Amino acid sequence: MTSSPATRSQTMKYRIMNVLKITIRLIIVLTFVISMIFIHQVIPSITVALSLYATNTCGFILRFVLKSKSFEISKTLNQLTKLSNTLNPNGTIGNKYVRRYLTLFFISVIALLVVMSISCFYEEWENYKRTIAFPFYIPPEFQETCLAVVLVSIMFSVISGGVVCGSATLLCDSTYITTSNIIKTYRESLIKKLKTQNLSSFIYNDIKVLKVIVSLVEAIDEALNVCALLNYCIFTCLIFITISVTLSEEYIFRTEMIICFIAINFIISVNMFYMVTMSGSGVYEEGEKLKKIGFECAGEVFVLNEKDKSFLALFLLLDNIKEVNLKMTGGGMFVIERTVFLTMTNAVVTYGVVLFQLSGMQSQH
C-alpha cells in the first residue's frame, strides 16, 4: 500500500524539521562547550570573564528549563489569557510597553555584538593569534580559522544566552502583570457588587472565580519560578561584577569598548531586575489588598443584605479570601516583592563602598 504524495510531503517536512532541530541543538551545545573552554583566554580579566561565564551558563540552563516546561507554560498562559479576556475584556494582556522593551533589547544585543566583534576581530586579533592556546595540536595553516571559530562560538553562545535570559525576563514580567491585573479586576468588581447588589445574585459565582484565580496563580508560579530564580541569579551576578569592574584600577577596563560594554551590561541588568521585581510584587500586593476586602465593605454589606440568606456563603468567600496566598516566588525560595529590590540596592551600595575603601587602601600602599 503506497502513501499519497501529500502524506510523503508531510513526512519529508517532518523529517527536515527534526534534522534542523537536532542541528541547532548540537550547535548550541558545541558553541557552549567551546566558549566555556576559551572565555578565560579571550578575556584576561577575571571579573569580565565571570560576567560572560554567568550569562553563558544561566542562558544555557534556561534553555533546558524553558524546553522542559514548555507545555506547562503554554497551558497556563492560555488559561491566563482566557481568564483575562473574561474578567477584563478591554484590558491589556501583558506589559503595554513590551514593544518598546523589545526594541531596546534588540538595540542592546546589536550594540554588544558590534562591541565584541570590533574588540575580537580588530583590536585584539593579533594578540589572540599569539596568546590563545588550543588544548590539542592544530596545524599552523588552520590556526587562524580555528581561532575565528572560537571567537564566533563565544560571541554566539554568550549573546544567545543573554537573549534567552532577556526573553525569559519579558515572559515573567508580562505574565506577572497580567496576573496582578486579573486579581485587581476581581477585587474591584467584588467590592462594587458587595456595595450595590444582593449577595444571592453573585456570591456563589464569585466563589468559583476565586478558586480559578488561586489555582491559576499557583500554576503560573510553578511554571515560571525557576525562570525567575535564574534571572535573579544572572542579573545579581552581572550587577556585582559590573561594580567590581567599575572600581577596578586595571588599565584594560579603561578602553572605550570595555567601558561601553560595562555601561550596557549595567543598564540592562538593573532594568531587568527592577522589571521582574515590580511586576512580581504586583501579584503579592494585589493579593494582600484582596484580603482586606471584608473590612472595606462590611457596613454596606450588612445594610443591603439584612434579610438575605446568603451570609453563610459570604463568610465562606471572605474566609477563603483571607486564607489565599497569592504570590510569585523565585524558585519557591522567596516571595517576589518590593523589598527584594530594596535589599539588593542596600547590598550593592554596601559592596560598592567596601570595595572603594579597599581599593583606596591598596593604592596608598
Protein backbone atom coordinates (compact mmCIF):
# COMPACT_ATOMS: atom_id res chain seq x y z
CA MET A 1 0.00 0.00 0.00
CA THR A 2 1.64 3.26 -1.17
CA SER A 3 1.26 6.59 0.57
CA SER A 4 -0.18 9.61 -1.20
CA PRO A 5 2.05 12.48 -2.41
CA ALA A 6 0.58 14.75 0.29
CA THR A 7 1.47 12.24 3.02
CA ARG A 8 5.01 11.82 1.66
CA SER A 9 5.41 15.60 1.57
CA GLN A 10 4.28 15.93 5.19
CA THR A 11 6.64 13.13 6.25
CA MET A 12 9.55 14.81 4.46
CA LYS A 13 8.80 18.17 6.10
CA TYR A 14 8.62 16.47 9.49
CA ARG A 15 12.00 14.80 8.95
CA ILE A 16 13.60 18.03 7.76
CA MET A 17 12.30 19.89 10.83
CA ASN A 18 13.67 17.18 13.11
CA VAL A 19 17.07 17.37 11.41
CA LEU A 20 17.07 21.17 11.78
CA LYS A 21 16.13 20.94 15.47
CA ILE A 22 18.90 18.42 16.16
CA THR A 23 21.42 20.51 14.21
CA ILE A 24 20.54 23.70 16.10
CA ARG A 25 20.77 21.91 19.45
CA LEU A 26 24.17 20.46 18.53
CA ILE A 27 25.41 23.92 17.50
CA ILE A 28 24.18 25.39 20.80
CA VAL A 29 25.88 22.67 22.86
CA LEU A 30 29.10 22.80 20.81
CA THR A 31 29.42 26.60 20.98
CA PHE A 32 28.65 26.50 24.71
CA VAL A 33 31.43 23.96 25.36
CA ILE A 34 33.93 25.88 23.20
CA SER A 35 33.08 29.18 24.89
CA MET A 36 33.40 27.71 28.39
CA ILE A 37 36.88 26.41 27.48
CA PHE A 38 38.23 29.61 25.92
CA ILE A 39 36.50 32.59 27.59
CA HIS A 40 39.21 32.99 30.24
CA GLN A 41 41.86 33.12 27.50
CA VAL A 42 39.99 35.61 25.32
CA ILE A 43 39.08 37.84 28.30
CA PRO A 44 42.15 38.15 30.55
CA SER A 45 40.26 39.98 33.29
CA ILE A 46 38.68 37.61 35.78
CA THR A 47 35.73 39.90 36.55
CA VAL A 48 34.72 40.46 32.92
CA ALA A 49 35.23 36.77 32.17
CA LEU A 50 32.96 35.92 35.11
CA SER A 51 30.18 38.07 33.66
CA LEU A 52 30.42 36.17 30.37
CA TYR A 53 30.54 32.82 32.17
CA ALA A 54 27.46 33.78 34.21
CA THR A 55 25.48 34.87 31.14
CA ASN A 56 26.59 31.81 29.21
CA THR A 57 25.74 29.33 31.97
CA CYS A 58 22.38 30.81 33.00
CA GLY A 59 21.30 31.15 29.37
CA PHE A 60 22.25 27.54 28.66
CA ILE A 61 20.38 26.24 31.73
CA LEU A 62 17.35 28.42 30.97
CA ARG A 63 17.05 26.84 27.52
CA PHE A 64 16.55 23.43 29.11
CA VAL A 65 14.20 24.81 31.77
CA LEU A 66 12.01 26.51 29.15
CA LYS A 67 12.07 23.41 26.96
CA SER A 68 11.18 21.04 29.81
CA LYS A 69 8.35 23.32 31.00
CA SER A 70 7.16 24.47 27.57
CA PHE A 71 3.87 22.52 27.76
CA GLU A 72 3.19 23.70 31.32
CA ILE A 73 3.99 27.34 30.44
CA SER A 74 1.88 27.24 27.27
CA LYS A 75 -1.07 25.73 29.14
CA THR A 76 -1.00 28.30 31.96
CA LEU A 77 -0.59 31.21 29.53
CA ASN A 78 -3.64 30.04 27.56
CA GLN A 79 -5.67 29.82 30.78
CA LEU A 80 -4.40 33.24 31.85
CA THR A 81 -5.37 34.81 28.52
CA LYS A 82 -8.87 33.29 28.62
CA LEU A 83 -9.46 34.42 32.20
CA SER A 84 -8.17 37.91 31.43
CA ASN A 85 -10.50 38.20 28.43
CA THR A 86 -13.41 37.01 30.57
CA LEU A 87 -12.88 39.27 33.59
CA ASN A 88 -11.36 42.26 31.81
CA PRO A 89 -12.17 42.10 28.08
CA ASN A 90 -10.99 45.67 27.43
CA GLY A 91 -7.76 45.32 29.40
CA THR A 92 -4.25 44.92 28.03
CA ILE A 93 -2.69 41.47 28.30
CA GLY A 94 0.95 41.66 29.36
CA ASN A 95 3.19 44.69 29.60
CA LYS A 96 1.81 47.50 27.44
CA TYR A 97 5.37 48.72 26.83
CA VAL A 98 6.61 45.33 25.64
CA ARG A 99 7.28 46.57 22.08
CA ARG A 100 9.43 49.37 23.44
CA TYR A 101 11.34 46.91 25.61
CA LEU A 102 11.81 44.54 22.67
CA THR A 103 13.18 47.41 20.55
CA LEU A 104 15.62 48.47 23.28
CA PHE A 105 16.53 44.84 23.84
CA PHE A 106 17.25 44.36 20.13
CA ILE A 107 19.37 47.53 20.02
CA SER A 108 21.33 46.40 23.09
CA VAL A 109 22.03 42.99 21.55
CA ILE A 110 23.25 44.59 18.31
CA ALA A 111 25.41 47.03 20.29
CA LEU A 112 27.00 44.20 22.30
CA LEU A 113 27.57 42.20 19.12
CA VAL A 114 29.28 45.17 17.45
CA VAL A 115 31.43 45.86 20.53
CA MET A 116 32.52 42.22 20.82
CA SER A 117 33.16 41.89 17.07
CA ILE A 118 35.35 45.02 16.92
CA SER A 119 37.23 44.00 20.05
CA CYS A 120 37.82 40.39 18.97
CA PHE A 121 38.43 40.69 15.23
CA TYR A 122 40.01 44.15 15.03
CA GLU A 123 41.61 45.41 18.23
CA GLU A 124 42.76 42.12 19.79
CA TRP A 125 43.08 39.81 16.76
CA GLU A 126 46.88 39.89 16.54
CA ASN A 127 47.18 39.47 20.29
CA TYR A 128 44.86 36.45 20.24
CA LYS A 129 46.90 34.80 17.50
CA ARG A 130 49.94 34.92 19.79
CA THR A 131 48.32 34.07 23.13
CA ILE A 132 45.41 31.67 22.55
CA ALA A 133 46.50 28.10 23.35
CA PHE A 134 44.44 25.24 21.93
CA PRO A 135 44.05 22.08 24.04
CA PHE A 136 45.32 19.91 21.16
CA TYR A 137 47.69 20.29 18.21
CA ILE A 138 46.39 22.27 15.24
CA PRO A 139 48.46 22.74 12.06
CA PRO A 140 49.63 26.37 11.64
CA GLU A 141 47.65 26.87 8.42
CA PHE A 142 44.38 26.11 10.27
CA GLN A 143 45.04 28.05 13.47
CA GLU A 144 43.51 31.34 12.28
CA THR A 145 40.39 29.51 11.12
CA CYS A 146 40.11 27.71 14.45
CA LEU A 147 40.66 30.99 16.30
CA ALA A 148 37.84 32.58 14.30
CA VAL A 149 35.59 29.61 15.16
CA VAL A 150 36.44 30.03 18.86
CA LEU A 151 35.66 33.76 18.84
CA VAL A 152 32.42 33.29 16.90
CA SER A 153 31.40 30.49 19.30
CA ILE A 154 32.00 32.73 22.31
CA MET A 155 30.01 35.61 20.81
CA PHE A 156 27.17 33.35 19.67
CA SER A 157 26.91 31.44 22.96
CA VAL A 158 27.16 34.48 25.25
CA ILE A 159 24.82 36.71 23.24
CA SER A 160 22.28 33.94 22.63
CA GLY A 161 22.44 33.15 26.36
CA GLY A 162 21.73 36.80 27.09
CA VAL A 163 18.83 36.76 24.61
CA VAL A 164 17.33 33.71 26.34
CA CYS A 165 17.65 35.40 29.76
CA GLY A 166 16.11 38.60 28.42
CA SER A 167 13.26 36.73 26.74
CA ALA A 168 12.55 34.79 29.94
CA THR A 169 12.51 38.08 31.86
CA LEU A 170 9.98 39.63 29.47
CA LEU A 171 7.89 36.45 29.70
CA CYS A 172 7.85 36.57 33.51
CA ASP A 173 7.20 40.32 33.53
CA SER A 174 4.21 40.21 31.16
CA THR A 175 2.74 37.15 32.88
CA TYR A 176 3.05 38.70 36.35
CA ILE A 177 1.49 41.98 35.17
CA THR A 178 -1.46 40.17 33.59
CA THR A 179 -1.95 38.09 36.74
CA SER A 180 -1.93 41.13 39.03
CA ASN A 181 -4.38 42.90 36.70
CA ILE A 182 -6.76 39.92 36.93
CA ILE A 183 -6.63 39.96 40.74
CA LYS A 184 -7.16 43.73 40.74
CA THR A 185 -10.16 43.45 38.37
CA TYR A 186 -11.70 40.70 40.51
CA ARG A 187 -11.17 42.73 43.70
CA GLU A 188 -12.66 45.93 42.27
CA SER A 189 -15.61 44.05 40.77
CA LEU A 190 -16.28 42.24 44.05
CA ILE A 191 -16.17 45.49 46.05
CA LYS A 192 -18.65 47.09 43.66
CA LYS A 193 -21.00 44.10 43.90
CA LEU A 194 -20.79 43.94 47.69
CA LYS A 195 -21.70 47.63 47.95
CA THR A 196 -24.52 47.69 45.39
CA GLN A 197 -26.01 44.20 44.89
CA ASN A 198 -27.70 41.49 46.91
CA LEU A 199 -25.42 38.62 47.89
CA SER A 200 -27.54 35.90 46.31
CA SER A 201 -27.12 37.42 42.85
CA PHE A 202 -23.33 36.95 42.63
CA ILE A 203 -21.76 35.35 45.70
CA TYR A 204 -21.69 31.71 44.54
CA ASN A 205 -20.25 32.59 41.14
CA ASP A 206 -17.54 34.76 42.72
CA ILE A 207 -16.51 31.89 45.00
CA LYS A 208 -15.91 29.78 41.87
CA VAL A 209 -13.97 32.60 40.19
CA LEU A 210 -11.77 32.99 43.27
CA LYS A 211 -10.90 29.28 43.19
CA VAL A 212 -10.00 29.56 39.50
CA ILE A 213 -7.74 32.57 40.18
CA VAL A 214 -5.98 30.85 43.09
CA SER A 215 -5.32 27.66 41.12
CA LEU A 216 -4.09 29.69 38.13
CA VAL A 217 -1.69 31.77 40.24
CA GLU A 218 -0.26 28.58 41.75
CA ALA A 219 0.11 27.03 38.28
CA ILE A 220 1.87 30.14 36.92
CA ASP A 221 4.28 30.22 39.85
CA GLU A 222 5.00 26.51 39.41
CA ALA A 223 5.71 27.06 35.70
CA LEU A 224 7.87 30.19 35.98
CA ASN A 225 9.50 30.20 39.42
CA VAL A 226 12.72 28.53 38.20
CA CYS A 227 12.96 31.03 35.32
CA ALA A 228 12.54 33.89 37.80
CA LEU A 229 15.21 32.43 40.09
CA LEU A 230 17.74 32.01 37.26
CA ASN A 231 17.02 35.55 36.08
CA TYR A 232 17.69 36.87 39.57
CA CYS A 233 20.94 34.89 39.68
CA ILE A 234 22.24 36.23 36.37
CA PHE A 235 21.26 39.85 36.98
CA THR A 236 22.65 39.83 40.52
CA CYS A 237 25.95 38.41 39.25
CA LEU A 238 26.16 40.96 36.45
CA ILE A 239 25.39 43.91 38.74
CA PHE A 240 28.07 42.98 41.29
CA ILE A 241 30.61 42.13 38.59
CA THR A 242 29.95 45.47 36.89
CA ILE A 243 30.59 47.32 40.15
CA SER A 244 33.84 45.37 40.61
CA VAL A 245 34.96 46.31 37.10
CA THR A 246 33.98 49.97 37.56
CA LEU A 247 36.01 50.35 40.76
CA SER A 248 38.96 48.37 39.43
CA GLU A 249 42.17 50.22 38.60
CA GLU A 250 43.25 47.78 35.88
CA TYR A 251 44.22 49.52 32.66
CA ILE A 252 42.30 47.05 30.47
CA PHE A 253 39.00 48.42 31.81
CA ARG A 254 39.74 51.95 30.62
CA THR A 255 39.35 51.26 26.90
CA GLU A 256 36.29 52.69 25.15
CA MET A 257 34.99 49.25 24.16
CA ILE A 258 35.14 47.87 27.69
CA ILE A 259 33.51 51.00 29.14
CA CYS A 260 30.71 50.72 26.57
CA PHE A 261 30.26 47.02 27.37
CA ILE A 262 30.16 47.73 31.12
CA ALA A 263 27.61 50.54 30.73
CA ILE A 264 25.25 48.47 28.55
CA ASN A 265 25.65 45.49 30.86
CA PHE A 266 24.80 47.51 33.99
CA ILE A 267 21.79 49.30 32.48
CA ILE A 268 20.27 46.06 31.16
CA SER A 269 20.87 44.16 34.42
CA VAL A 270 19.37 46.80 36.72
CA ASN A 271 16.41 47.40 34.41
CA MET A 272 15.59 43.69 34.09
CA PHE A 273 15.99 43.12 37.85
CA TYR A 274 13.64 46.03 38.55
CA MET A 275 11.07 44.84 35.97
CA VAL A 276 10.75 41.32 37.35
CA THR A 277 10.64 42.55 40.95
CA MET A 278 7.98 45.21 40.40
CA SER A 279 5.71 43.03 38.25
CA GLY A 280 6.09 40.04 40.60
CA SER A 281 5.42 42.18 43.67
CA GLY A 282 2.22 43.41 41.98
CA VAL A 283 0.70 39.93 42.37
CA TYR A 284 1.60 39.83 46.07
CA GLU A 285 0.34 43.37 46.73
CA GLU A 286 -2.98 42.80 44.96
CA GLY A 287 -3.40 39.58 46.93
CA GLU A 288 -2.87 41.47 50.19
CA LYS A 289 -5.40 44.13 49.16
CA LEU A 290 -7.90 41.39 48.34
CA LYS A 291 -7.58 40.01 51.88
CA LYS A 292 -8.76 43.35 53.31
CA ILE A 293 -11.96 43.43 51.27
CA GLY A 294 -14.16 42.30 54.17
CA PHE A 295 -13.15 45.29 56.30
CA GLU A 296 -13.75 47.73 53.43
CA CYS A 297 -17.30 46.60 52.65
CA ALA A 298 -18.64 45.29 55.97
CA GLY A 299 -21.02 48.21 56.62
CA GLU A 300 -22.62 48.30 53.17
CA VAL A 301 -22.98 44.51 53.06
CA PHE A 302 -24.94 44.29 56.33
CA VAL A 303 -27.21 47.21 55.40
CA LEU A 304 -28.06 45.84 51.95
CA ASN A 305 -28.44 42.21 52.97
CA GLU A 306 -30.22 42.20 56.34
CA LYS A 307 -32.75 39.59 55.17
CA ASP A 308 -30.55 37.81 52.63
CA LYS A 309 -29.92 34.12 53.36
CA SER A 310 -26.54 34.11 51.60
CA PHE A 311 -24.49 35.30 54.58
CA LEU A 312 -23.06 31.83 55.07
CA ALA A 313 -21.74 31.89 51.52
CA LEU A 314 -20.34 35.39 52.13
CA PHE A 315 -18.48 34.23 55.22
CA LEU A 316 -17.17 31.27 53.23
CA LEU A 317 -15.93 33.62 50.49
CA LEU A 318 -14.29 36.01 52.95
CA ASP A 319 -12.69 33.10 54.80
CA ASN A 320 -11.33 31.73 51.51
CA ILE A 321 -10.00 35.18 50.58
CA LYS A 322 -8.31 35.50 53.97
CA GLU A 323 -6.62 32.12 53.53
CA VAL A 324 -5.41 32.54 49.94
CA ASN A 325 -1.71 33.20 49.41
CA LEU A 326 -1.43 34.88 46.03
CA LYS A 327 2.25 35.38 45.27
CA MET A 328 5.05 34.71 42.83
CA THR A 329 8.31 33.21 44.02
CA GLY A 330 11.88 32.79 42.91
CA GLY A 331 12.29 29.03 42.69
CA GLY A 332 9.87 28.65 45.60
CA MET A 333 12.57 30.01 47.94
CA PHE A 334 11.46 33.62 48.40
CA VAL A 335 8.43 35.76 47.61
CA ILE A 336 8.92 38.36 44.90
CA GLU A 337 8.05 41.72 46.47
CA ARG A 338 9.43 45.26 46.55
CA THR A 339 11.71 44.50 49.49
CA VAL A 340 13.79 42.28 47.18
CA PHE A 341 14.81 45.33 45.14
CA LEU A 342 15.43 47.41 48.28
CA THR A 343 17.57 44.63 49.76
CA MET A 344 19.51 44.39 46.51
CA THR A 345 20.05 48.17 46.46
CA ASN A 346 21.38 48.12 50.04
CA ALA A 347 23.71 45.23 49.22
CA VAL A 348 25.01 46.96 46.08
CA VAL A 349 25.68 50.24 47.92
CA THR A 350 27.42 48.43 50.79
CA TYR A 351 29.51 46.35 48.38
CA GLY A 352 30.47 49.45 46.39
CA VAL A 353 31.53 51.38 49.50
CA VAL A 354 33.59 48.47 50.87
CA LEU A 355 35.25 47.88 47.50
CA PHE A 356 36.02 51.59 47.13
CA GLN A 357 37.63 51.71 50.57
CA LEU A 358 39.69 48.59 49.87
CA SER A 359 40.90 49.97 46.54
CA GLY A 360 41.85 53.24 48.31
CA MET A 361 43.86 51.33 50.93
CA GLN A 362 45.66 49.32 48.22
CA SER A 363 46.57 52.47 46.27
CA GLN A 364 48.08 54.03 49.43
CA HIS A 365 50.32 51.01 49.93
